[in-house]
Amino acid sequence: MKFIKYIWLLFPCVVFGQLEPVVQDSTEVEYILIEGDSIPKRAIDLNEVLLLQRLKFDSKEDRIKYLILKRKTIKVYPYAKLAAERLVSLNERLATLDSKRDKRRYAKIIQKYIEEEFSAELKKLTRTEGQILVKLIHRQTGSTAFDLIKELRSGWRAFWFNTTASLFDISLKREFDPINVKEDFLIEDILERAFQDGRLKRQEPALEFDYYDLTDKWVNNTTDNPTETKKQ
């Protein structure tokens, strides 16, 4: 899985808030301060939660396939999440460097660190786990693994990595497409359930799609044309 290692190129999450909750006076009424104005707050803010429908399987074999897909998706998602975080961090750092030579030198340092840190674990991935990881990297970064390697290293290197990957029936150009590929919808469903269960930590995807539209298409069969995926 050497071709996978080169996409681990690096953002801590920054949360921006305009509203500041405070407690004032002895009645302990909670207020929201907006540019100096105080507004009494009587409601409790809750995170949005999707209502997930129960999946239907045509056969026992289909259910077993889903459970296998679930195990593999939960296994590789943290790597895709980390790749997105490292990518943003890398781009922020490269933006502070002026010369191409310094940028290449920094990228090589990060590459060496990543290889030493994750090589052993990435080598343990199976072919199908590797392909799921490629899809999830596209979901989290908005770019295919091929494009990331091409941008951060070179087009020639990306070509040879993709050629090598193809020998293992893996395409680094594969996109995450839950609108048109049922397996990708199942992966999205698995992730959403794992987020709500607290099994995985949510990271917003770089791709935009509506989970309910996907459910209508793949579970309820009530629509054929859900909103098209858009890059943020």
C-alpha atoms as a PDB file:
ATOM      1  CA  MET A   1       0.000   0.000   0.000  1.00  0.00           C
ATOM      2  CA  LYS A   2       2.946   2.359  -0.590  1.00  0.00           C
ATOM      3  CA  PHE A   3       0.909   4.534  -2.921  1.00  0.00           C
ATOM      4  CA  ILE A   4      -1.485   5.238  -0.037  1.00  0.00           C
ATOM      5  CA  LYS A   5       1.232   6.583   2.245  1.00  0.00           C
ATOM      6  CA  TYR A   6       1.917   9.624   0.093  1.00  0.00           C
ATOM      7  CA  ILE A   7      -1.520  11.060   0.648  1.00  0.00           C
ATOM      8  CA  TRP A   8      -0.864  11.499   4.373  1.00  0.00           C
ATOM      9  CA  LEU A   9       0.262  15.032   3.829  1.00  0.00           C
ATOM     10  CA  LEU A  10      -1.205  16.596   6.575  1.00  0.00           C
ATOM     11  CA  PHE A  11      -5.144  21.617  10.827  1.00  0.00           C
ATOM     12  CA  PRO A  12      -6.433  21.504  13.895  1.00  0.00           C
ATOM     13  CA  CYS A  13     -10.139  22.270  13.878  1.00  0.00           C
ATOM     14  CA  VAL A  14     -10.831  25.981  14.347  1.00  0.00           C
ATOM     15  CA  VAL A  15     -14.280  26.842  15.614  1.00  0.00           C
ATOM     16  CA  PHE A  16     -15.468  30.367  14.982  1.00  0.00           C
ATOM     17  CA  GLY A  17     -18.262  31.729  17.178  1.00  0.00           C
ATOM     18  CA  GLN A  18     -20.119  34.987  17.022  1.00  0.00           C
ATOM     19  CA  LEU A  19     -22.334  34.317  20.018  1.00  0.00           C
ATOM     20  CA  GLU A  20     -21.047  34.220  23.589  1.00  0.00           C
ATOM     21  CA  PRO A  21     -23.283  32.688  26.276  1.00  0.00           C
ATOM     22  CA  VAL A  22     -22.941  34.316  29.717  1.00  0.00           C
ATOM     23  CA  VAL A  23     -24.776  34.187  33.044  1.00  0.00           C
ATOM     24  CA  GLN A  24     -25.842  37.449  34.640  1.00  0.00           C
ATOM     25  CA  ASP A  25     -27.412  38.512  37.989  1.00  0.00           C
ATOM     26  CA  SER A  26     -28.624  36.336  40.843  1.00  0.00           C
ATOM     27  CA  THR A  27     -31.541  34.865  38.876  1.00  0.00           C
ATOM     28  CA  GLU A  28     -29.010  33.043  36.701  1.00  0.00           C
ATOM     29  CA  VAL A  29     -30.788  33.961  33.469  1.00  0.00           C
ATOM     30  CA  GLU A  30     -28.653  33.030  30.498  1.00  0.00           C
ATOM     31  CA  TYR A  31     -28.071  35.746  27.912  1.00  0.00           C
ATOM     32  CA  ILE A  32     -26.506  35.916  24.476  1.00  0.00           C
ATOM     33  CA  LEU A  33     -24.272  38.911  23.808  1.00  0.00           C
ATOM     34  CA  ILE A  34     -24.384  40.226  20.243  1.00  0.00           C
ATOM     35  CA  GLU A  35     -22.218  43.289  19.710  1.00  0.00           C
ATOM     36  CA  GLY A  36     -22.963  44.566  23.206  1.00  0.00           C
ATOM     37  CA  ASP A  37     -26.697  43.793  23.277  1.00  0.00           C
ATOM     38  CA  SER A  38     -28.077  41.250  25.748  1.00  0.00           C
ATOM     39  CA  ILE A  39     -30.870  38.921  24.677  1.00  0.00           C
ATOM     40  CA  PRO A  40     -32.453  36.575  27.238  1.00  0.00           C
ATOM     41  CA  LYS A  41     -32.037  32.970  26.183  1.00  0.00           C
ATOM     42  CA  ARG A  42     -34.876  30.629  27.118  1.00  0.00           C
ATOM     43  CA  ALA A  43     -34.169  27.790  24.691  1.00  0.00           C
ATOM     44  CA  ILE A  44     -31.564  25.048  24.799  1.00  0.00           C
ATOM     45  CA  ASP A  45     -29.339  24.639  21.744  1.00  0.00           C
ATOM     46  CA  LEU A  46     -29.216  21.081  20.460  1.00  0.00           C
ATOM     47  CA  ASN A  47     -27.030  19.588  17.792  1.00  0.00           C
ATOM     48  CA  GLU A  48     -28.820  18.525  14.635  1.00  0.00           C
ATOM     49  CA  VAL A  49     -29.507  14.800  14.591  1.00  0.00           C
ATOM     50  CA  LEU A  50     -30.528  12.872  11.505  1.00  0.00           C
ATOM     51  CA  LEU A  51     -33.330  10.369  11.901  1.00  0.00           C
ATOM     52  CA  LEU A  52     -31.971   7.173  10.405  1.00  0.00           C
ATOM     53  CA  GLN A  53     -34.282   4.661   8.818  1.00  0.00           C
ATOM     54  CA  ARG A  54     -33.850   0.971   9.305  1.00  0.00           C
ATOM     55  CA  LEU A  55     -32.080  -0.562   6.342  1.00  0.00           C
ATOM     56  CA  LYS A  56     -33.750  -3.355   4.409  1.00  0.00           C
ATOM     57  CA  PHE A  57     -31.757  -6.258   2.989  1.00  0.00           C
ATOM     58  CA  ASP A  58     -32.973  -8.543   0.226  1.00  0.00           C
ATOM     59  CA  SER A  59     -31.102 -11.529   1.606  1.00  0.00           C
ATOM     60  CA  LYS A  60     -28.922 -12.788   4.418  1.00  0.00           C
ATOM     61  CA  GLU A  61     -25.927 -12.481   2.105  1.00  0.00           C
ATOM     62  CA  ASP A  62     -26.628  -8.774   1.545  1.00  0.00           C
ATOM     63  CA  ARG A  63     -26.754  -8.201   5.293  1.00  0.00           C
ATOM     64  CA  ILE A  64     -23.445 -10.014   5.773  1.00  0.00           C
ATOM     65  CA  LYS A  65     -21.870  -7.885   3.024  1.00  0.00           C
ATOM     66  CA  TYR A  66     -23.120  -4.753   4.791  1.00  0.00           C
ATOM     67  CA  LEU A  67     -21.612  -5.867   8.105  1.00  0.00           C
ATOM     68  CA  ILE A  68     -18.273  -6.541   6.419  1.00  0.00           C
ATOM     69  CA  LEU A  69     -18.415  -3.122   4.740  1.00  0.00           C
ATOM     70  CA  LYS A  70     -19.229  -1.590   8.129  1.00  0.00           C
ATOM     71  CA  ARG A  71     -16.207  -3.152   9.790  1.00  0.00           C
ATOM     72  CA  LYS A  72     -13.857  -1.997   7.040  1.00  0.00           C
ATOM     73  CA  THR A  73     -15.311   1.516   6.821  1.00  0.00           C
ATOM     74  CA  ILE A  74     -15.009   2.119  10.554  1.00  0.00           C
ATOM     75  CA  LYS A  75     -11.440   0.818  10.413  1.00  0.00           C
ATOM     76  CA  VAL A  76     -10.182   3.175   7.675  1.00  0.00           C
ATOM     77  CA  TYR A  77     -12.244   6.330   8.327  1.00  0.00           C
ATOM     78  CA  PRO A  78      -9.842   7.701  11.000  1.00  0.00           C
ATOM     79  CA  TYR A  79      -7.038   7.608   8.400  1.00  0.00           C
ATOM     80  CA  ALA A  80      -9.125   9.634   5.922  1.00  0.00           C
ATOM     81  CA  LYS A  81     -10.035  12.121   8.659  1.00  0.00           C
ATOM     82  CA  LEU A  82      -6.381  12.500   9.606  1.00  0.00           C
ATOM     83  CA  ALA A  83      -5.408  12.925   5.949  1.00  0.00           C
ATOM     84  CA  ALA A  84      -7.830  15.859   5.645  1.00  0.00           C
ATOM     85  CA  GLU A  85      -6.438  17.463   8.794  1.00  0.00           C
ATOM     86  CA  ARG A  86      -2.833  17.006   7.660  1.00  0.00           C
ATOM     87  CA  LEU A  87      -3.613  18.332   4.182  1.00  0.00           C
ATOM     88  CA  VAL A  88      -5.000  21.610   5.529  1.00  0.00           C
ATOM     89  CA  SER A  89      -2.059  21.909   7.924  1.00  0.00           C
ATOM     90  CA  LEU A  90       0.400  21.259   5.099  1.00  0.00           C
ATOM     91  CA  ASN A  91      -1.195  23.825   2.800  1.00  0.00           C
ATOM     92  CA  GLU A  92      -1.176  26.424   5.565  1.00  0.00           C
ATOM     93  CA  ARG A  93       2.521  25.797   6.177  1.00  0.00           C
ATOM     94  CA  LEU A  94       3.429  25.824   2.471  1.00  0.00           C
ATOM     95  CA  ALA A  95       1.650  29.166   2.080  1.00  0.00           C
ATOM     96  CA  THR A  96       4.232  30.702   4.458  1.00  0.00           C
ATOM     97  CA  LEU A  97       7.183  29.477   2.355  1.00  0.00           C
ATOM     98  CA  ASP A  98       8.382  31.576  -0.555  1.00  0.00           C
ATOM     99  CA  SER A  99      10.647  29.363  -2.638  1.00  0.00           C
ATOM    100  CA  LYS A 100       9.752  26.125  -4.398  1.00  0.00           C
ATOM    101  CA  ARG A 101      12.913  24.594  -2.978  1.00  0.00           C
ATOM    102  CA  ASP A 102      11.778  25.245   0.613  1.00  0.00           C
ATOM    103  CA  LYS A 103       8.319  23.871  -0.189  1.00  0.00           C
ATOM    104  CA  ARG A 104       9.772  20.669  -1.669  1.00  0.00           C
ATOM    105  CA  ARG A 105      12.118  20.269   1.287  1.00  0.00           C
ATOM    106  CA  TYR A 106       9.276  20.685   3.778  1.00  0.00           C
ATOM    107  CA  ALA A 107       7.044  18.253   1.861  1.00  0.00           C
ATOM    108  CA  LYS A 108       9.808  15.635   1.925  1.00  0.00           C
ATOM    109  CA  ILE A 109      10.270  16.057   5.690  1.00  0.00           C
ATOM    110  CA  ILE A 110       6.552  15.524   6.238  1.00  0.00           C
ATOM    111  CA  GLN A 111       6.550  12.563   3.849  1.00  0.00           C
ATOM    112  CA  LYS A 112       9.341  10.865   5.807  1.00  0.00           C
ATOM    113  CA  TYR A 113       7.542  11.468   9.095  1.00  0.00           C
ATOM    114  CA  ILE A 114       4.295  10.043   7.746  1.00  0.00           C
ATOM    115  CA  GLU A 115       5.991   6.952   6.311  1.00  0.00           C
ATOM    116  CA  GLU A 116       7.663   6.218   9.644  1.00  0.00           C
ATOM    117  CA  GLU A 117       4.475   6.886  11.597  1.00  0.00           C
ATOM    118  CA  PHE A 118       1.898   5.007   9.541  1.00  0.00           C
ATOM    119  CA  SER A 119       3.682   2.560   7.218  1.00  0.00           C
ATOM    120  CA  ALA A 120       3.184  -0.485   9.424  1.00  0.00           C
ATOM    121  CA  GLU A 121      -0.534   0.124   9.867  1.00  0.00           C
ATOM    122  CA  LEU A 122      -1.235   0.994   6.227  1.00  0.00           C
ATOM    123  CA  LYS A 123       0.506  -2.167   5.042  1.00  0.00           C
ATOM    124  CA  LYS A 124      -2.064  -4.174   7.005  1.00  0.00           C
ATOM    125  CA  LEU A 125      -4.957  -2.865   4.903  1.00  0.00           C
ATOM    126  CA  THR A 126      -6.607  -5.285   2.500  1.00  0.00           C
ATOM    127  CA  ARG A 127      -7.378  -4.379  -1.117  1.00  0.00           C
ATOM    128  CA  THR A 128     -10.987  -3.506  -0.350  1.00  0.00           C
ATOM    129  CA  GLU A 129      -9.984  -1.489   2.718  1.00  0.00           C
ATOM    130  CA  GLY A 130      -7.500   0.408   0.568  1.00  0.00           C
ATOM    131  CA  GLN A 131     -10.173   1.251  -1.999  1.00  0.00           C
ATOM    132  CA  ILE A 132     -12.601   2.384   0.716  1.00  0.00           C
ATOM    133  CA  LEU A 133      -9.834   4.580   2.129  1.00  0.00           C
ATOM    134  CA  VAL A 134      -9.301   6.161  -1.299  1.00  0.00           C
ATOM    135  CA  LYS A 135     -13.027   6.951  -1.497  1.00  0.00           C
ATOM    136  CA  LEU A 136     -13.117   8.411   2.000  1.00  0.00           C
ATOM    137  CA  ILE A 137     -10.087  10.589   1.294  1.00  0.00           C
ATOM    138  CA  HIS A 138     -12.080  12.092  -1.579  1.00  0.00           C
ATOM    139  CA  ARG A 139     -15.065  12.526   0.777  1.00  0.00           C
ATOM    140  CA  GLN A 140     -13.003  14.347   3.394  1.00  0.00           C
ATOM    141  CA  THR A 141     -10.666  16.416   1.176  1.00  0.00           C
ATOM    142  CA  GLY A 142     -12.692  16.974  -2.005  1.00  0.00           C
ATOM    143  CA  SER A 143      -9.758  15.668  -4.067  1.00  0.00           C
ATOM    144  CA  THR A 144      -8.938  12.184  -5.261  1.00  0.00           C
ATOM    145  CA  ALA A 145      -5.822  10.493  -3.946  1.00  0.00           C
ATOM    146  CA  PHE A 146      -4.410  10.711  -7.489  1.00  0.00           C
ATOM    147  CA  ASP A 147      -4.909  14.505  -7.625  1.00  0.00           C
ATOM    148  CA  LEU A 148      -3.397  14.962  -4.174  1.00  0.00           C
ATOM    149  CA  ILE A 149      -0.245  13.089  -5.159  1.00  0.00           C
ATOM    150  CA  LYS A 150      -0.105  14.959  -8.472  1.00  0.00           C
ATOM    151  CA  GLU A 151      -0.437  18.339  -6.748  1.00  0.00           C
ATOM    152  CA  LEU A 152       1.918  17.662  -3.858  1.00  0.00           C
ATOM    153  CA  ARG A 153       4.542  15.595  -5.680  1.00  0.00           C
ATOM    154  CA  SER A 154       4.297  15.293  -9.466  1.00  0.00           C
ATOM    155  CA  GLY A 155       2.065  14.057 -12.255  1.00  0.00           C
ATOM    156  CA  TRP A 156       4.599  11.388 -13.198  1.00  0.00           C
ATOM    157  CA  ARG A 157       4.701  10.009  -9.653  1.00  0.00           C
ATOM    158  CA  ALA A 158       0.912  10.044  -9.460  1.00  0.00           C
ATOM    159  CA  PHE A 159       0.735   8.117 -12.741  1.00  0.00           C
ATOM    160  CA  TRP A 160       3.069   5.385 -11.533  1.00  0.00           C
ATOM    161  CA  PHE A 161       1.389   5.109  -8.141  1.00  0.00           C
ATOM    162  CA  ASN A 162      -1.960   4.718  -9.849  1.00  0.00           C
ATOM    163  CA  THR A 163      -0.516   2.134 -12.216  1.00  0.00           C
ATOM    164  CA  THR A 164       0.913   0.188  -9.285  1.00  0.00           C
ATOM    165  CA  ALA A 165      -2.373   0.445  -7.409  1.00  0.00           C
ATOM    166  CA  SER A 166      -4.260  -0.893 -10.422  1.00  0.00           C
ATOM    167  CA  LEU A 167      -2.300  -4.136 -10.110  1.00  0.00           C
ATOM    168  CA  PHE A 168      -4.139  -4.594  -6.802  1.00  0.00           C
ATOM    169  CA  ASP A 169      -7.444  -3.586  -8.390  1.00  0.00           C
ATOM    170  CA  ILE A 170      -7.370  -0.181  -6.678  1.00  0.00           C
ATOM    171  CA  SER A 171      -7.855   3.129  -8.462  1.00  0.00           C
ATOM    172  CA  LEU A 172      -6.436   6.257  -6.853  1.00  0.00           C
ATOM    173  CA  LYS A 173      -8.807   8.239  -9.092  1.00  0.00           C
ATOM    174  CA  ARG A 174     -11.904   6.705  -7.502  1.00  0.00           C
ATOM    175  CA  GLU A 175     -14.361   9.276  -6.143  1.00  0.00           C
ATOM    176  CA  PHE A 176     -16.879   9.015  -3.348  1.00  0.00           C
ATOM    177  CA  ASP A 177     -20.253   9.089  -5.106  1.00  0.00           C
ATOM    178  CA  PRO A 178     -23.177   8.115  -2.841  1.00  0.00           C
ATOM    179  CA  ILE A 179     -25.640   9.542  -5.349  1.00  0.00           C
ATOM    180  CA  ASN A 180     -24.857   7.051  -8.100  1.00  0.00           C
ATOM    181  CA  VAL A 181     -23.077   4.195  -6.289  1.00  0.00           C
ATOM    182  CA  LYS A 182     -25.073   2.209  -3.742  1.00  0.00           C
ATOM    183  CA  GLU A 183     -21.989   0.978  -1.890  1.00  0.00           C
ATOM    184  CA  ASP A 184     -20.975   4.605  -1.305  1.00  0.00           C
ATOM    185  CA  PHE A 185     -24.441   5.341   0.092  1.00  0.00           C
ATOM    186  CA  LEU A 186     -24.041   2.387   2.456  1.00  0.00           C
ATOM    187  CA  ILE A 187     -20.651   3.759   3.518  1.00  0.00           C
ATOM    188  CA  GLU A 188     -22.289   7.125   4.225  1.00  0.00           C
ATOM    189  CA  ASP A 189     -25.036   5.398   6.196  1.00  0.00           C
ATOM    190  CA  ILE A 190     -22.442   3.471   8.205  1.00  0.00           C
ATOM    191  CA  LEU A 191     -20.553   6.675   9.000  1.00  0.00           C
ATOM    192  CA  GLU A 192     -23.676   8.561  10.077  1.00  0.00           C
ATOM    193  CA  ARG A 193     -24.710   5.760  12.441  1.00  0.00           C
ATOM    194  CA  ALA A 194     -21.177   5.551  13.850  1.00  0.00           C
ATOM    195  CA  PHE A 195     -21.116   9.330  14.423  1.00  0.00           C
ATOM    196  CA  GLN A 196     -24.400   9.228  16.306  1.00  0.00           C
ATOM    197  CA  ASP A 197     -23.298   6.223  18.361  1.00  0.00           C
ATOM    198  CA  GLY A 198     -20.088   8.011  19.303  1.00  0.00           C
ATOM    199  CA  ARG A 199     -17.994   5.279  17.710  1.00  0.00           C
ATOM    200  CA  LEU A 200     -16.386   7.732  15.283  1.00  0.00           C
ATOM    201  CA  LYS A 201     -15.675  11.444  15.657  1.00  0.00           C
ATOM    202  CA  ARG A 202     -17.518  13.491  13.067  1.00  0.00           C
ATOM    203  CA  GLN A 203     -15.592  15.562  10.572  1.00  0.00           C
ATOM    204  CA  GLU A 204     -17.667  17.436   8.008  1.00  0.00           C
ATOM    205  CA  PRO A 205     -17.029  16.184   4.464  1.00  0.00           C
ATOM    206  CA  ALA A 206     -15.624  18.376   1.716  1.00  0.00           C
ATOM    207  CA  LEU A 207     -18.460  17.144  -0.486  1.00  0.00           C
ATOM    208  CA  GLU A 208     -22.026  18.313  -0.111  1.00  0.00           C
ATOM    209  CA  PHE A 209     -24.976  15.950  -0.383  1.00  0.00           C
ATOM    210  CA  ASP A 210     -28.289  15.431   1.371  1.00  0.00           C
ATOM    211  CA  TYR A 211     -28.558  12.235   3.402  1.00  0.00           C
ATOM    212  CA  TYR A 212     -32.358  12.223   3.173  1.00  0.00           C
ATOM    213  CA  ASP A 213     -32.240  12.526  -0.612  1.00  0.00           C
ATOM    214  CA  LEU A 214     -29.873   9.574  -0.696  1.00  0.00           C
ATOM    215  CA  THR A 215     -32.153   7.579   1.589  1.00  0.00           C
ATOM    216  CA  ASP A 216     -35.153   8.361  -0.592  1.00  0.00           C
ATOM    217  CA  LYS A 217     -33.315   7.017  -3.613  1.00  0.00           C
ATOM    218  CA  TRP A 218     -31.645   3.932  -2.199  1.00  0.00           C
ATOM    219  CA  VAL A 219     -34.034   2.904   0.604  1.00  0.00           C
ATOM    220  CA  ASN A 220     -37.451   4.361  -0.184  1.00  0.00           C
ATOM    221  CA  ASN A 221     -37.066   4.375  -3.979  1.00  0.00           C
ATOM    222  CA  THR A 222     -39.038   7.620  -4.202  1.00  0.00           C
ATOM    223  CA  THR A 223     -36.627   9.683  -6.273  1.00  0.00           C
ATOM    224  CA  ASP A 224     -34.121   9.078  -9.031  1.00  0.00           C
ATOM    225  CA  ASN A 225     -32.397  12.451  -9.071  1.00  0.00           C
ATOM    226  CA  PRO A 226     -31.274  13.698  -5.669  1.00  0.00           C
ATOM    227  CA  THR A 227     -29.373  16.960  -5.436  1.00  0.00           C
ATOM    228  CA  GLU A 228     -26.043  16.666  -7.199  1.00  0.00           C
ATOM    229  CA  THR A 229     -22.858  16.563  -5.170  1.00  0.00           C
ATOM    230  CA  LYS A 230     -21.041  19.858  -4.905  1.00  0.00           C
ATOM    231  CA  LYS A 231     -17.591  20.695  -3.641  1.00  0.00           C
ATOM    232  CA  GLN A 232     -17.486  23.232  -0.873  1.00  0.00           C
END
